[in-house]
Amino acid sequence: LWLPEIRSGSPGRRQAAERAAINAPMQGTAADLIKRAMIAVQRWLDEMRMASKLILQVHDELVLEVPEDELAAVREALPKLMSGVARLAVPLVAEVGVGSNWDEAH
């Protein structure tokens, strides 16, 4: 992580760089976890020969298109798959929302 403003004489710029330095490890770890979750979900979909499609990742969320006949299986498997990608001192919790669009799923 390169933060040239960390030594800035401007308090605002220096403080912004300090916040970035503090946040980087958490954001980087979260990015790694969601990538692992994507791999786990896609492998499961492939192994189960599902027609469901992993179509989008936004921050800490995966968006899938799931046929009605696969919904129960996907809804049951995803939280286990996503929360099982790493062993941490705190639990990883994953929830499933269902809807015909992003808004309805939340």
N, C-alpha and C. Protein backbone atom coordinates (compact mmCIF):
# COMPACT_ATOMS: atom_id res chain seq x y z
N LEU A 1 0.86 -1.17 0.00
CA LEU A 1 0.00 0.00 0.00
C LEU A 1 0.90 1.23 0.00
N TRP A 2 0.75 2.04 -1.01
CA TRP A 2 1.58 3.24 -1.15
C TRP A 2 0.76 4.45 -0.78
N LEU A 3 1.15 5.15 0.26
CA LEU A 3 0.41 6.31 0.76
C LEU A 3 1.36 7.50 0.92
N PRO A 4 1.69 8.18 -0.17
CA PRO A 4 2.63 9.29 -0.08
C PRO A 4 2.13 10.44 0.80
N GLU A 5 0.82 10.58 0.95
CA GLU A 5 0.26 11.67 1.75
C GLU A 5 0.39 11.44 3.25
N ILE A 6 0.89 10.27 3.66
CA ILE A 6 1.02 9.96 5.08
C ILE A 6 1.99 10.94 5.77
N ARG A 7 2.87 11.54 5.00
CA ARG A 7 3.82 12.52 5.55
C ARG A 7 3.48 13.95 5.14
N SER A 8 2.27 14.15 4.68
CA SER A 8 1.84 15.46 4.20
C SER A 8 1.80 16.47 5.34
N GLY A 9 2.12 17.70 5.00
CA GLY A 9 1.99 18.79 5.96
C GLY A 9 0.55 19.23 6.14
N SER A 10 -0.30 18.80 5.24
CA SER A 10 -1.73 19.13 5.32
C SER A 10 -2.42 18.11 6.23
N PRO A 11 -2.98 18.57 7.35
CA PRO A 11 -3.62 17.63 8.28
C PRO A 11 -4.72 16.78 7.62
N GLY A 12 -5.52 17.38 6.78
CA GLY A 12 -6.60 16.64 6.13
C GLY A 12 -6.09 15.52 5.25
N ARG A 13 -5.05 15.81 4.45
CA ARG A 13 -4.48 14.78 3.58
C ARG A 13 -3.79 13.69 4.39
N ARG A 14 -3.06 14.10 5.42
CA ARG A 14 -2.37 13.12 6.26
C ARG A 14 -3.39 12.21 6.97
N GLN A 15 -4.44 12.79 7.51
CA GLN A 15 -5.46 12.00 8.20
C GLN A 15 -6.17 11.04 7.25
N ALA A 16 -6.42 11.47 6.02
CA ALA A 16 -7.04 10.58 5.04
C ALA A 16 -6.13 9.39 4.75
N ALA A 17 -4.82 9.64 4.63
CA ALA A 17 -3.87 8.56 4.39
C ALA A 17 -3.79 7.63 5.60
N GLU A 18 -3.84 8.20 6.80
CA GLU A 18 -3.82 7.37 8.01
C GLU A 18 -5.05 6.46 8.07
N ARG A 19 -6.22 7.00 7.72
CA ARG A 19 -7.44 6.17 7.71
C ARG A 19 -7.32 5.06 6.67
N ALA A 20 -6.77 5.39 5.52
CA ALA A 20 -6.59 4.37 4.48
C ALA A 20 -5.65 3.27 4.96
N ALA A 21 -4.59 3.64 5.67
CA ALA A 21 -3.65 2.65 6.19
C ALA A 21 -4.30 1.73 7.22
N ILE A 22 -5.18 2.28 8.03
CA ILE A 22 -5.88 1.48 9.04
C ILE A 22 -6.90 0.56 8.39
N ASN A 23 -7.62 1.05 7.38
CA ASN A 23 -8.68 0.27 6.74
C ASN A 23 -8.18 -0.79 5.78
N ALA A 24 -7.01 -0.60 5.21
CA ALA A 24 -6.52 -1.51 4.16
C ALA A 24 -6.48 -2.98 4.59
N PRO A 25 -5.97 -3.33 5.77
CA PRO A 25 -5.94 -4.75 6.13
C PRO A 25 -7.33 -5.39 6.21
N MET A 26 -8.30 -4.66 6.76
CA MET A 26 -9.65 -5.22 6.86
C MET A 26 -10.30 -5.35 5.48
N GLN A 27 -10.17 -4.32 4.67
CA GLN A 27 -10.78 -4.36 3.35
C GLN A 27 -10.12 -5.42 2.48
N GLY A 28 -8.82 -5.56 2.59
CA GLY A 28 -8.11 -6.58 1.82
C GLY A 28 -8.51 -7.98 2.24
N THR A 29 -8.66 -8.19 3.54
CA THR A 29 -9.08 -9.50 4.03
C THR A 29 -10.50 -9.81 3.58
N ALA A 30 -11.39 -8.83 3.66
CA ALA A 30 -12.77 -9.03 3.21
C ALA A 30 -12.81 -9.36 1.72
N ALA A 31 -11.97 -8.70 0.94
CA ALA A 31 -11.91 -8.98 -0.50
C ALA A 31 -11.45 -10.41 -0.74
N ASP A 32 -10.46 -10.86 0.02
CA ASP A 32 -9.99 -12.24 -0.11
C ASP A 32 -11.08 -13.24 0.25
N LEU A 33 -11.84 -12.95 1.30
CA LEU A 33 -12.90 -13.86 1.74
C LEU A 33 -14.01 -13.98 0.70
N ILE A 34 -14.43 -12.86 0.10
CA ILE A 34 -15.51 -12.93 -0.87
C ILE A 34 -15.04 -13.65 -2.13
N LYS A 35 -13.76 -13.52 -2.48
CA LYS A 35 -13.23 -14.26 -3.63
C LYS A 35 -13.23 -15.76 -3.34
N ARG A 36 -12.85 -16.14 -2.13
CA ARG A 36 -12.91 -17.56 -1.75
C ARG A 36 -14.35 -18.07 -1.79
N ALA A 37 -15.28 -17.23 -1.33
CA ALA A 37 -16.69 -17.62 -1.36
C ALA A 37 -17.18 -17.81 -2.79
N MET A 38 -16.76 -16.94 -3.68
CA MET A 38 -17.15 -17.08 -5.09
C MET A 38 -16.66 -18.41 -5.65
N ILE A 39 -15.44 -18.75 -5.34
CA ILE A 39 -14.88 -20.02 -5.83
C ILE A 39 -15.66 -21.20 -5.25
N ALA A 40 -15.93 -21.16 -3.95
CA ALA A 40 -16.65 -22.26 -3.30
C ALA A 40 -18.05 -22.42 -3.89
N VAL A 41 -18.74 -21.32 -4.10
CA VAL A 41 -20.10 -21.37 -4.65
C VAL A 41 -20.07 -21.89 -6.08
N GLN A 42 -19.16 -21.38 -6.90
CA GLN A 42 -19.11 -21.83 -8.30
C GLN A 42 -18.74 -23.31 -8.39
N ARG A 43 -17.81 -23.75 -7.58
CA ARG A 43 -17.45 -25.18 -7.58
C ARG A 43 -18.66 -26.04 -7.21
N TRP A 44 -19.41 -25.61 -6.20
CA TRP A 44 -20.60 -26.36 -5.78
C TRP A 44 -21.64 -26.39 -6.89
N LEU A 45 -21.88 -25.23 -7.51
CA LEU A 45 -22.84 -25.18 -8.63
C LEU A 45 -22.43 -26.13 -9.74
N ASP A 46 -21.12 -26.15 -10.05
CA ASP A 46 -20.62 -27.05 -11.10
C ASP A 46 -20.77 -28.52 -10.70
N GLU A 47 -20.36 -28.84 -9.47
CA GLU A 47 -20.44 -30.23 -9.00
C GLU A 47 -21.88 -30.74 -8.96
N MET A 48 -22.80 -29.87 -8.60
CA MET A 48 -24.21 -30.25 -8.51
C MET A 48 -24.92 -30.13 -9.86
N ARG A 49 -24.18 -29.67 -10.85
CA ARG A 49 -24.74 -29.47 -12.21
C ARG A 49 -26.00 -28.60 -12.17
N MET A 50 -25.87 -27.53 -11.44
CA MET A 50 -26.98 -26.59 -11.30
C MET A 50 -27.05 -25.66 -12.52
N ALA A 51 -28.24 -25.24 -12.84
CA ALA A 51 -28.45 -24.24 -13.89
C ALA A 51 -28.28 -22.83 -13.33
N SER A 52 -28.24 -22.70 -12.02
CA SER A 52 -28.07 -21.41 -11.37
C SER A 52 -26.77 -20.77 -11.82
N LYS A 53 -26.78 -19.45 -11.90
CA LYS A 53 -25.61 -18.71 -12.37
C LYS A 53 -25.19 -17.67 -11.33
N LEU A 54 -23.91 -17.68 -11.03
CA LEU A 54 -23.31 -16.63 -10.20
C LEU A 54 -23.05 -15.47 -11.15
N ILE A 55 -23.78 -14.36 -10.98
CA ILE A 55 -23.70 -13.30 -11.98
C ILE A 55 -23.00 -12.03 -11.52
N LEU A 56 -22.87 -11.83 -10.21
CA LEU A 56 -22.34 -10.56 -9.77
C LEU A 56 -21.81 -10.65 -8.34
N GLN A 57 -20.76 -9.91 -8.08
CA GLN A 57 -20.25 -9.75 -6.72
C GLN A 57 -20.18 -8.26 -6.43
N VAL A 58 -20.80 -7.84 -5.33
CA VAL A 58 -20.80 -6.43 -4.93
C VAL A 58 -20.38 -6.38 -3.46
N HIS A 59 -19.23 -5.81 -3.21
CA HIS A 59 -18.69 -5.70 -1.84
C HIS A 59 -18.67 -7.08 -1.16
N ASP A 60 -19.55 -7.32 -0.20
CA ASP A 60 -19.54 -8.59 0.54
C ASP A 60 -20.72 -9.47 0.14
N GLU A 61 -21.20 -9.30 -1.07
CA GLU A 61 -22.43 -9.95 -1.49
C GLU A 61 -22.26 -10.64 -2.84
N LEU A 62 -22.88 -11.80 -2.96
CA LEU A 62 -22.93 -12.50 -4.25
C LEU A 62 -24.36 -12.47 -4.75
N VAL A 63 -24.51 -12.25 -6.05
CA VAL A 63 -25.83 -12.23 -6.68
C VAL A 63 -25.90 -13.39 -7.66
N LEU A 64 -26.94 -14.18 -7.54
CA LEU A 64 -27.13 -15.34 -8.41
C LEU A 64 -28.49 -15.27 -9.08
N GLU A 65 -28.57 -15.86 -10.27
CA GLU A 65 -29.86 -16.13 -10.91
C GLU A 65 -30.13 -17.60 -10.68
N VAL A 66 -31.26 -17.90 -10.04
CA VAL A 66 -31.55 -19.27 -9.62
C VAL A 66 -32.94 -19.68 -10.13
N PRO A 67 -33.00 -20.77 -10.89
CA PRO A 67 -34.32 -21.27 -11.30
C PRO A 67 -35.13 -21.70 -10.07
N GLU A 68 -36.42 -21.58 -10.18
CA GLU A 68 -37.32 -21.89 -9.06
C GLU A 68 -37.07 -23.29 -8.50
N ASP A 69 -36.82 -24.27 -9.37
CA ASP A 69 -36.65 -25.65 -8.90
C ASP A 69 -35.33 -25.89 -8.17
N GLU A 70 -34.41 -24.94 -8.23
CA GLU A 70 -33.13 -25.05 -7.51
C GLU A 70 -33.07 -24.16 -6.27
N LEU A 71 -34.07 -23.34 -6.10
CA LEU A 71 -34.04 -22.32 -5.05
C LEU A 71 -33.82 -22.90 -3.66
N ALA A 72 -34.53 -23.94 -3.29
CA ALA A 72 -34.39 -24.50 -1.94
C ALA A 72 -32.98 -25.01 -1.69
N ALA A 73 -32.40 -25.72 -2.65
CA ALA A 73 -31.05 -26.26 -2.49
C ALA A 73 -30.02 -25.15 -2.40
N VAL A 74 -30.14 -24.15 -3.25
CA VAL A 74 -29.18 -23.03 -3.24
C VAL A 74 -29.33 -22.24 -1.95
N ARG A 75 -30.55 -22.00 -1.55
CA ARG A 75 -30.80 -21.24 -0.32
C ARG A 75 -30.22 -21.93 0.91
N GLU A 76 -30.24 -23.24 0.92
CA GLU A 76 -29.68 -24.00 2.04
C GLU A 76 -28.15 -24.05 1.98
N ALA A 77 -27.59 -24.23 0.79
CA ALA A 77 -26.15 -24.45 0.66
C ALA A 77 -25.31 -23.18 0.77
N LEU A 78 -25.79 -22.07 0.22
CA LEU A 78 -24.96 -20.87 0.15
C LEU A 78 -24.43 -20.37 1.49
N PRO A 79 -25.25 -20.25 2.53
CA PRO A 79 -24.69 -19.77 3.80
C PRO A 79 -23.57 -20.67 4.32
N LYS A 80 -23.73 -21.98 4.18
CA LYS A 80 -22.69 -22.91 4.64
C LYS A 80 -21.42 -22.76 3.81
N LEU A 81 -21.60 -22.66 2.49
CA LEU A 81 -20.44 -22.52 1.61
C LEU A 81 -19.69 -21.23 1.89
N MET A 82 -20.43 -20.14 1.99
CA MET A 82 -19.80 -18.83 2.17
C MET A 82 -19.17 -18.67 3.55
N SER A 83 -19.82 -19.17 4.57
CA SER A 83 -19.27 -19.00 5.92
C SER A 83 -18.17 -20.01 6.23
N GLY A 84 -17.98 -20.99 5.36
CA GLY A 84 -16.96 -22.00 5.59
C GLY A 84 -15.65 -21.77 4.86
N VAL A 85 -15.45 -20.59 4.30
CA VAL A 85 -14.25 -20.35 3.49
C VAL A 85 -13.00 -20.07 4.31
N ALA A 86 -13.17 -19.77 5.60
CA ALA A 86 -12.00 -19.50 6.45
C ALA A 86 -12.37 -19.76 7.91
N ARG A 87 -11.38 -20.16 8.68
CA ARG A 87 -11.57 -20.31 10.13
C ARG A 87 -10.99 -19.07 10.79
N LEU A 88 -11.86 -18.35 11.45
CA LEU A 88 -11.46 -17.11 12.10
C LEU A 88 -11.86 -17.16 13.57
N ALA A 89 -11.35 -16.22 14.33
CA ALA A 89 -11.70 -16.13 15.75
C ALA A 89 -13.13 -15.64 15.94
N VAL A 90 -13.69 -15.04 14.91
CA VAL A 90 -15.08 -14.59 14.93
C VAL A 90 -15.85 -15.36 13.87
N PRO A 91 -17.15 -15.56 14.07
CA PRO A 91 -17.91 -16.32 13.06
C PRO A 91 -18.14 -15.50 11.80
N LEU A 92 -18.10 -16.19 10.67
CA LEU A 92 -18.54 -15.59 9.41
C LEU A 92 -20.00 -15.97 9.25
N VAL A 93 -20.84 -15.00 9.03
CA VAL A 93 -22.26 -15.24 8.90
C VAL A 93 -22.70 -14.83 7.50
N ALA A 94 -23.42 -15.70 6.83
CA ALA A 94 -23.95 -15.40 5.50
C ALA A 94 -25.46 -15.60 5.52
N GLU A 95 -26.16 -14.70 4.88
CA GLU A 95 -27.61 -14.78 4.79
C GLU A 95 -28.01 -14.79 3.33
N VAL A 96 -29.17 -15.36 3.05
CA VAL A 96 -29.69 -15.40 1.69
C VAL A 96 -30.96 -14.57 1.62
N GLY A 97 -31.00 -13.69 0.63
CA GLY A 97 -32.21 -12.94 0.33
C GLY A 97 -32.71 -13.39 -1.03
N VAL A 98 -34.01 -13.44 -1.21
CA VAL A 98 -34.59 -13.91 -2.46
C VAL A 98 -35.55 -12.86 -2.99
N GLY A 99 -35.44 -12.59 -4.28
CA GLY A 99 -36.36 -11.66 -4.92
C GLY A 99 -36.13 -11.65 -6.41
N SER A 100 -37.06 -11.07 -7.12
CA SER A 100 -36.92 -11.01 -8.58
C SER A 100 -36.00 -9.87 -9.00
N ASN A 101 -35.58 -9.05 -8.04
CA ASN A 101 -34.57 -8.01 -8.30
C ASN A 101 -33.80 -7.76 -7.01
N TRP A 102 -32.76 -6.95 -7.11
CA TRP A 102 -31.88 -6.71 -5.97
C TRP A 102 -32.65 -6.10 -4.80
N ASP A 103 -33.53 -5.16 -5.10
CA ASP A 103 -34.29 -4.49 -4.04
C ASP A 103 -35.17 -5.48 -3.28
N GLU A 104 -35.86 -6.34 -3.99
CA GLU A 104 -36.73 -7.33 -3.33
C GLU A 104 -35.93 -8.32 -2.49
N ALA A 105 -34.72 -8.62 -2.90
CA ALA A 105 -33.89 -9.58 -2.17
C ALA A 105 -33.38 -9.02 -0.85
N HIS A 106 -33.51 -7.72 -0.67
CA HIS A 106 -33.06 -7.09 0.57
C HIS A 106 -34.26 -6.72 1.38
